[in-house]
C-alpha atoms as a PDB file:
ATOM      1  CA  MET A   1      -9.502  -6.739  36.462  1.00  0.00           C
ATOM      2  CA  SER A   2      -6.102  -6.971  35.039  1.00  0.00           C
ATOM      3  CA  ARG A   3      -5.606  -8.858  31.819  1.00  0.00           C
ATOM      4  CA  LYS A   4      -1.738  -8.958  31.930  1.00  0.00           C
ATOM      5  CA  VAL A   5      -0.386 -12.030  30.062  1.00  0.00           C
ATOM      6  CA  VAL A   6       1.786 -14.113  32.115  1.00  0.00           C
ATOM      7  CA  ILE A   7       4.361 -16.502  30.378  1.00  0.00           C
ATOM      8  CA  ARG A   8       5.823 -19.259  32.099  1.00  0.00           C
ATOM      9  CA  ASN A   9       7.354 -23.019  31.232  1.00  0.00           C
ATOM     10  CA  THR A  10       4.820 -25.698  30.965  1.00  0.00           C
ATOM     11  CA  THR A  11       4.404 -28.077  33.748  1.00  0.00           C
ATOM     12  CA  HIS A  12       3.050 -31.630  34.033  1.00  0.00           C
ATOM     13  CA  ALA A  13      -0.560 -30.177  35.354  1.00  0.00           C
ATOM     14  CA  ASP A  14      -0.794 -28.070  32.140  1.00  0.00           C
ATOM     15  CA  VAL A  15      -0.879 -31.269  29.926  1.00  0.00           C
ATOM     16  CA  ILE A  16      -4.588 -32.270  29.907  1.00  0.00           C
ATOM     17  CA  PRO A  17      -5.854 -28.519  29.890  1.00  0.00           C
ATOM     18  CA  LEU A  18      -3.529 -28.081  26.878  1.00  0.00           C
ATOM     19  CA  ILE A  19      -4.836 -30.742  24.852  1.00  0.00           C
ATOM     20  CA  GLU A  20      -8.444 -29.489  25.712  1.00  0.00           C
ATOM     21  CA  LEU A  21      -7.564 -26.004  24.323  1.00  0.00           C
ATOM     22  CA  GLN A  22      -5.944 -27.408  21.228  1.00  0.00           C
ATOM     23  CA  LYS A  23      -9.124 -29.175  20.245  1.00  0.00           C
ATOM     24  CA  HIS A  24     -10.741 -25.667  20.341  1.00  0.00           C
ATOM     25  CA  VAL A  25      -8.057 -23.955  18.300  1.00  0.00           C
ATOM     26  CA  TYR A  26      -7.656 -26.734  15.705  1.00  0.00           C
ATOM     27  CA  PRO A  27     -10.916 -28.580  15.261  1.00  0.00           C
ATOM     28  CA  THR A  28      -9.846 -30.248  12.165  1.00  0.00           C
ATOM     29  CA  ILE A  29      -6.297 -31.220  13.336  1.00  0.00           C
ATOM     30  CA  PRO A  30      -5.628 -34.216  15.930  1.00  0.00           C
ATOM     31  CA  PRO A  31      -4.426 -32.649  19.104  1.00  0.00           C
ATOM     32  CA  TRP A  32      -1.356 -33.462  21.083  1.00  0.00           C
ATOM     33  CA  ARG A  33      -1.299 -36.824  22.834  1.00  0.00           C
ATOM     34  CA  GLU A  34      -0.735 -36.774  26.675  1.00  0.00           C
ATOM     35  CA  ASP A  35       2.237 -39.120  26.287  1.00  0.00           C
ATOM     36  CA  LEU A  36       4.041 -36.976  23.789  1.00  0.00           C
ATOM     37  CA  LEU A  37       3.340 -33.765  25.695  1.00  0.00           C
ATOM     38  CA  LEU A  38       5.117 -35.274  28.834  1.00  0.00           C
ATOM     39  CA  ASN A  39       7.844 -36.346  26.527  1.00  0.00           C
ATOM     40  CA  GLN A  40       8.333 -32.876  25.132  1.00  0.00           C
ATOM     41  CA  LEU A  41       8.731 -31.860  28.962  1.00  0.00           C
ATOM     42  CA  GLU A  42      11.376 -34.604  29.490  1.00  0.00           C
ATOM     43  CA  VAL A  43      13.327 -33.653  26.272  1.00  0.00           C
ATOM     44  CA  PHE A  44      13.629 -30.047  26.448  1.00  0.00           C
ATOM     45  CA  PRO A  45      11.701 -28.211  29.243  1.00  0.00           C
ATOM     46  CA  GLN A  46      13.097 -25.015  28.787  1.00  0.00           C
ATOM     47  CA  GLY A  47      11.426 -24.627  25.344  1.00  0.00           C
ATOM     48  CA  GLN A  48       7.828 -25.518  26.499  1.00  0.00           C
ATOM     49  CA  PHE A  49       5.645 -22.364  27.576  1.00  0.00           C
ATOM     50  CA  VAL A  50       2.143 -21.602  28.431  1.00  0.00           C
ATOM     51  CA  ALA A  51       0.259 -18.186  28.729  1.00  0.00           C
ATOM     52  CA  GLU A  52      -2.075 -17.350  31.374  1.00  0.00           C
ATOM     53  CA  ILE A  53      -4.752 -14.299  31.826  1.00  0.00           C
ATOM     54  CA  ASN A  54      -5.827 -14.368  35.581  1.00  0.00           C
ATOM     55  CA  GLY A  55      -4.794 -17.672  36.083  1.00  0.00           C
ATOM     56  CA  GLU A  56      -6.491 -18.987  33.057  1.00  0.00           C
ATOM     57  CA  LEU A  57      -4.461 -21.059  30.566  1.00  0.00           C
ATOM     58  CA  VAL A  58      -5.130 -19.140  27.050  1.00  0.00           C
ATOM     59  CA  GLY A  59      -2.163 -20.233  25.035  1.00  0.00           C
ATOM     60  CA  ALA A  60       1.098 -22.228  24.624  1.00  0.00           C
ATOM     61  CA  SER A  61       4.290 -22.549  22.541  1.00  0.00           C
ATOM     62  CA  SER A  62       6.572 -25.502  22.223  1.00  0.00           C
ATOM     63  CA  SER A  63      10.100 -25.731  20.699  1.00  0.00           C
ATOM     64  CA  PHE A  64      13.351 -27.859  20.582  1.00  0.00           C
ATOM     65  CA  VAL A  65      16.840 -27.709  19.166  1.00  0.00           C
ATOM     66  CA  VAL A  66      18.153 -29.068  15.800  1.00  0.00           C
ATOM     67  CA  LEU A  67      21.070 -28.969  13.633  1.00  0.00           C
ATOM     68  CA  TRP A  68      19.375 -27.089  10.916  1.00  0.00           C
ATOM     69  CA  ASP A  69      21.581 -28.697   8.142  1.00  0.00           C
ATOM     70  CA  GLU A  70      19.587 -31.831   8.723  1.00  0.00           C
ATOM     71  CA  TRP A  71      16.347 -30.446   7.913  1.00  0.00           C
ATOM     72  CA  GLN A  72      17.038 -27.416   5.611  1.00  0.00           C
ATOM     73  CA  VAL A  73      15.547 -29.230   2.838  1.00  0.00           C
ATOM     74  CA  GLU A  74      11.609 -29.898   2.683  1.00  0.00           C
ATOM     75  CA  HIS A  75      10.466 -31.666   5.712  1.00  0.00           C
ATOM     76  CA  THR A  76       7.054 -32.392   7.262  1.00  0.00           C
ATOM     77  CA  TRP A  77       5.879 -31.588  10.815  1.00  0.00           C
ATOM     78  CA  LYS A  78       5.744 -35.221  11.814  1.00  0.00           C
ATOM     79  CA  GLU A  79       9.430 -35.571  10.564  1.00  0.00           C
ATOM     80  CA  ILE A  80      10.988 -33.161  12.223  1.00  0.00           C
ATOM     81  CA  THR A  81       9.291 -33.349  15.544  1.00  0.00           C
ATOM     82  CA  ALA A  82       9.562 -37.146  15.675  1.00  0.00           C
ATOM     83  CA  ARG A  83       5.593 -37.236  15.481  1.00  0.00           C
ATOM     84  CA  GLY A  84       5.238 -34.632  18.394  1.00  0.00           C
ATOM     85  CA  SER A  85       7.869 -36.422  20.736  1.00  0.00           C
ATOM     86  CA  PHE A  86      10.573 -34.064  20.059  1.00  0.00           C
ATOM     87  CA  ASN A  87      12.975 -37.022  19.957  1.00  0.00           C
ATOM     88  CA  THR A  88      14.734 -35.132  17.302  1.00  0.00           C
ATOM     89  CA  HIS A  89      15.942 -32.537  19.684  1.00  0.00           C
ATOM     90  CA  ASN A  90      19.757 -32.014  19.492  1.00  0.00           C
ATOM     91  CA  PRO A  91      21.475 -30.105  22.063  1.00  0.00           C
ATOM     92  CA  GLU A  92      24.454 -29.776  19.658  1.00  0.00           C
ATOM     93  CA  GLY A  93      22.394 -27.583  17.398  1.00  0.00           C
ATOM     94  CA  ARG A  94      22.172 -23.792  17.352  1.00  0.00           C
ATOM     95  CA  THR A  95      18.642 -23.660  15.734  1.00  0.00           C
ATOM     96  CA  LEU A  96      15.751 -23.321  18.048  1.00  0.00           C
ATOM     97  CA  TYR A  97      12.678 -24.906  15.997  1.00  0.00           C
ATOM     98  CA  ALA A  98       9.357 -23.490  16.809  1.00  0.00           C
ATOM     99  CA  ALA A  99       6.981 -26.625  16.559  1.00  0.00           C
ATOM    100  CA  GLU A 100       3.641 -24.804  17.655  1.00  0.00           C
ATOM    101  CA  VAL A 101       1.982 -21.738  19.033  1.00  0.00           C
ATOM    102  CA  PHE A 102      -1.592 -21.578  19.676  1.00  0.00           C
ATOM    103  CA  VAL A 103      -3.999 -19.090  21.405  1.00  0.00           C
ATOM    104  CA  HIS A 104      -7.581 -19.557  22.805  1.00  0.00           C
ATOM    105  CA  PRO A 105      -9.831 -18.543  19.923  1.00  0.00           C
ATOM    106  CA  HIS A 106     -11.876 -16.078  22.109  1.00  0.00           C
ATOM    107  CA  LYS A 107      -8.815 -14.580  23.371  1.00  0.00           C
ATOM    108  CA  ARG A 108      -7.113 -13.196  20.211  1.00  0.00           C
ATOM    109  CA  GLY A 109      -5.980  -9.821  20.155  1.00  0.00           C
ATOM    110  CA  ALA A 110      -5.271  -9.531  23.765  1.00  0.00           C
ATOM    111  CA  GLY A 111      -1.248  -9.827  22.934  1.00  0.00           C
ATOM    112  CA  ILE A 112      -0.985 -13.427  23.963  1.00  0.00           C
ATOM    113  CA  GLY A 113       0.800 -14.595  20.875  1.00  0.00           C
ATOM    114  CA  HIS A 114       3.102 -11.599  21.064  1.00  0.00           C
ATOM    115  CA  ALA A 115       3.896 -12.602  24.776  1.00  0.00           C
ATOM    116  CA  LEU A 116       4.717 -16.128  23.519  1.00  0.00           C
ATOM    117  CA  TYR A 117       6.709 -15.047  20.618  1.00  0.00           C
ATOM    118  CA  HIS A 118       8.926 -12.722  22.747  1.00  0.00           C
ATOM    119  CA  GLU A 119       9.448 -15.303  25.429  1.00  0.00           C
ATOM    120  CA  ARG A 120      10.943 -17.671  22.811  1.00  0.00           C
ATOM    121  CA  ARG A 121      13.043 -14.875  21.177  1.00  0.00           C
ATOM    122  CA  ARG A 122      14.382 -14.309  24.930  1.00  0.00           C
ATOM    123  CA  LEU A 123      15.165 -17.978  25.156  1.00  0.00           C
ATOM    124  CA  CYS A 124      16.822 -18.058  21.782  1.00  0.00           C
ATOM    125  CA  ARG A 125      19.119 -15.155  22.954  1.00  0.00           C
ATOM    126  CA  ARG A 126      19.734 -16.459  26.269  1.00  0.00           C
ATOM    127  CA  LEU A 127      20.766 -20.042  25.103  1.00  0.00           C
ATOM    128  CA  ASN A 128      23.336 -18.310  22.455  1.00  0.00           C
ATOM    129  CA  LEU A 129      21.522 -19.958  19.456  1.00  0.00           C
ATOM    130  CA  LYS A 130      21.809 -18.746  16.131  1.00  0.00           C
ATOM    131  CA  ARG A 131      18.062 -18.562  14.859  1.00  0.00           C
ATOM    132  CA  ILE A 132      14.481 -19.608  15.281  1.00  0.00           C
ATOM    133  CA  MET A 133      13.044 -21.398  12.459  1.00  0.00           C
ATOM    134  CA  ALA A 134       9.503 -22.532  12.035  1.00  0.00           C
ATOM    135  CA  CYS A 135       7.007 -23.430   9.430  1.00  0.00           C
ATOM    136  CA  GLY A 136       3.763 -21.587   9.875  1.00  0.00           C
ATOM    137  CA  ARG A 137       0.216 -22.429   8.747  1.00  0.00           C
ATOM    138  CA  LEU A 138      -1.429 -20.547   5.930  1.00  0.00           C
ATOM    139  CA  PRO A 139      -4.888 -20.581   7.253  1.00  0.00           C
ATOM    140  CA  GLY A 140      -6.010 -17.903   4.957  1.00  0.00           C
ATOM    141  CA  TYR A 141      -4.956 -19.746   2.032  1.00  0.00           C
ATOM    142  CA  HIS A 142      -7.922 -21.682   1.331  1.00  0.00           C
ATOM    143  CA  ARG A 143      -9.655 -18.568   0.368  1.00  0.00           C
ATOM    144  CA  TYR A 144      -7.672 -18.022  -2.609  1.00  0.00           C
ATOM    145  CA  ALA A 145      -6.686 -21.513  -3.464  1.00  0.00           C
ATOM    146  CA  ASP A 146      -8.485 -21.576  -6.639  1.00  0.00           C
ATOM    147  CA  GLN A 147      -7.071 -18.320  -7.781  1.00  0.00           C
ATOM    148  CA  MET A 148      -3.127 -18.706  -7.315  1.00  0.00           C
ATOM    149  CA  PRO A 149      -0.477 -21.094  -5.973  1.00  0.00           C
ATOM    150  CA  ALA A 150       0.557 -21.108  -2.429  1.00  0.00           C
ATOM    151  CA  GLU A 151       3.996 -19.412  -3.468  1.00  0.00           C
ATOM    152  CA  LEU A 152       2.138 -16.456  -4.949  1.00  0.00           C
ATOM    153  CA  TYR A 153      -0.301 -16.239  -1.716  1.00  0.00           C
ATOM    154  CA  ALA A 154       2.570 -16.058   0.532  1.00  0.00           C
ATOM    155  CA  GLN A 155       4.342 -13.425  -1.577  1.00  0.00           C
ATOM    156  CA  LYS A 156       1.183 -11.096  -1.563  1.00  0.00           C
ATOM    157  CA  VAL A 157       1.139 -11.668   2.262  1.00  0.00           C
ATOM    158  CA  VAL A 158       4.735 -10.530   2.391  1.00  0.00           C
ATOM    159  CA  TRP A 159       4.016  -7.482  -0.103  1.00  0.00           C
ATOM    160  CA  GLY A 160       1.189  -6.427   2.047  1.00  0.00           C
ATOM    161  CA  ASP A 161      -1.534  -7.024  -0.701  1.00  0.00           C
ATOM    162  CA  LEU A 162      -3.162  -9.925   1.298  1.00  0.00           C
ATOM    163  CA  GLN A 163      -3.627 -10.579   5.152  1.00  0.00           C
ATOM    164  CA  ASP A 164      -3.146 -14.278   6.475  1.00  0.00           C
ATOM    165  CA  PRO A 165      -3.924 -14.882  10.083  1.00  0.00           C
ATOM    166  CA  VAL A 166      -0.634 -16.244  10.936  1.00  0.00           C
ATOM    167  CA  LEU A 167       1.932 -15.162   8.175  1.00  0.00           C
ATOM    168  CA  SER A 168       1.022 -11.756   8.507  1.00  0.00           C
ATOM    169  CA  PHE A 169       1.406 -11.936  12.361  1.00  0.00           C
ATOM    170  CA  GLN A 170       4.790 -13.490  12.060  1.00  0.00           C
ATOM    171  CA  LEU A 171       6.164 -10.870   9.735  1.00  0.00           C
ATOM    172  CA  ARG A 172       5.304  -8.282  12.255  1.00  0.00           C
ATOM    173  CA  GLU A 173       7.028 -10.320  14.942  1.00  0.00           C
ATOM    174  CA  GLU A 174      10.331  -9.861  12.971  1.00  0.00           C
ATOM    175  CA  PHE A 175      10.463 -13.157  11.179  1.00  0.00           C
ATOM    176  CA  GLN A 176      11.571 -13.324   7.471  1.00  0.00           C
ATOM    177  CA  TYR A 177       9.679 -15.354   5.147  1.00  0.00           C
ATOM    178  CA  CYS A 178      12.049 -18.098   3.377  1.00  0.00           C
ATOM    179  CA  GLY A 179       9.771 -20.141   1.079  1.00  0.00           C
ATOM    180  CA  ILE A 180       6.767 -22.603   1.095  1.00  0.00           C
ATOM    181  CA  VAL A 181       7.039 -26.281   2.386  1.00  0.00           C
ATOM    182  CA  VAL A 182       4.797 -28.509   0.616  1.00  0.00           C
ATOM    183  CA  GLY A 183       2.729 -31.226   2.647  1.00  0.00           C
ATOM    184  CA  TYR A 184       3.862 -30.029   6.030  1.00  0.00           C
ATOM    185  CA  ILE A 185       0.651 -30.859   7.937  1.00  0.00           C
ATOM    186  CA  PRO A 186      -1.345 -32.551   5.245  1.00  0.00           C
ATOM    187  CA  GLU A 187      -4.454 -32.676   6.976  1.00  0.00           C
ATOM    188  CA  ASP A 188      -4.338 -29.141   7.399  1.00  0.00           C
ATOM    189  CA  GLN A 189      -7.446 -28.090   5.183  1.00  0.00           C
ATOM    190  CA  GLU A 190      -7.342 -24.448   5.671  1.00  0.00           C
ATOM    191  CA  SER A 191      -3.764 -24.317   4.566  1.00  0.00           C
ATOM    192  CA  HIS A 192      -4.207 -27.153   1.728  1.00  0.00           C
ATOM    193  CA  GLY A 193      -1.046 -28.432   3.584  1.00  0.00           C
ATOM    194  CA  TYR A 194       1.380 -25.855   2.826  1.00  0.00           C
ATOM    195  CA  ALA A 195       3.361 -23.920   5.457  1.00  0.00           C
ATOM    196  CA  ALA A 196       5.567 -20.774   5.052  1.00  0.00           C
ATOM    197  CA  LEU A 197       9.148 -21.396   6.206  1.00  0.00           C
ATOM    198  CA  ILE A 198      10.232 -18.633   8.200  1.00  0.00           C
ATOM    199  CA  VAL A 199      13.331 -17.423  10.175  1.00  0.00           C
ATOM    200  CA  TRP A 200      14.495 -15.061  13.056  1.00  0.00           C
ATOM    201  CA  LEU A 201      17.915 -14.417  13.244  1.00  0.00           C
ATOM    202  CA  ASN A 202      19.565 -13.827  16.752  1.00  0.00           C
ATOM    203  CA  PRO A 203      21.305 -10.401  16.681  1.00  0.00           C
ATOM    204  CA  ARG A 204      23.333 -11.267  19.745  1.00  0.00           C
ATOM    205  CA  TYR A 205      24.464 -14.571  18.447  1.00  0.00           C
ATOM    206  CA  ASN A 206      28.255 -15.229  19.292  1.00  0.00           C
ATOM    207  CA  ALA A 207      29.497 -18.111  17.154  1.00  0.00           C
ATOM    208  CA  LYS A 208      32.836 -17.982  19.263  1.00  0.00           C
ATOM    209  CA  LYS A 209      30.806 -18.947  22.421  1.00  0.00           C
ATOM    210  CA  PRO A 210      28.947 -22.204  23.145  1.00  0.00           C
ATOM    211  CA  SER A 211      25.407 -22.512  23.653  1.00  0.00           C
ATOM    212  CA  LEU A 212      24.019 -22.972  26.855  1.00  0.00           C
ATOM    213  CA  ILE A 213      21.755 -25.804  26.678  1.00  0.00           C
ATOM    214  CA  MET A 214      21.658 -27.801  29.793  1.00  0.00           C
ATOM    215  CA  GLN A 215      19.617 -29.738  31.976  1.00  0.00           C
ATOM    216  CA  GLY A 216      16.911 -27.971  34.194  1.00  0.00           C
ATOM    217  CA  GLU A 217      16.857 -24.135  34.287  1.00  0.00           C
ATOM    218  CA  ALA A 218      18.631 -22.354  31.627  1.00  0.00           C
ATOM    219  CA  PRO A 219      20.867 -19.231  32.884  1.00  0.00           C
END
């Protein structure tokens, strides 16, 4: 049986299954609320994706657009996402902010995360946005928190001396490490609230042309 990963835009019918899947992925972090997911689809439908294998929903990613100058200093997940509503979405921005990616815990290693990241990069190029910014969890940090600060842990991951389930993957997905954000998701016990600020620069970005964000389908 084929295990091809299919990426498509999220629909209203996906909302409840996504909430249930997220509970399995992040048992210690409160899942999305239904009204917030619906608002995300209303605000920026082009930026919301789900992954399927043989019709089964196995992962998802969500993003919106910001003016990065407004957020380049330290921020929390709740602040930049407007508590998950994405009401901070700004079509005049040139930065795609990656708010979330998650994969079914029993389906990891099947290329789902890579497919979601690839689709997000395609969206960034298609809309002529300058970059993708994200604050990635550091779920491996709790094993080393009594040995080193989060900054050194992240550097050791970048150097290849340590492996982190999220940051190591993001580095393989062409993202660059920029620094540590403190208190990004305070309730994230594995990461001790820390996150790695990362960036992917769009090599096809043309500053002389407008971005192509519009209602409905993006060209």
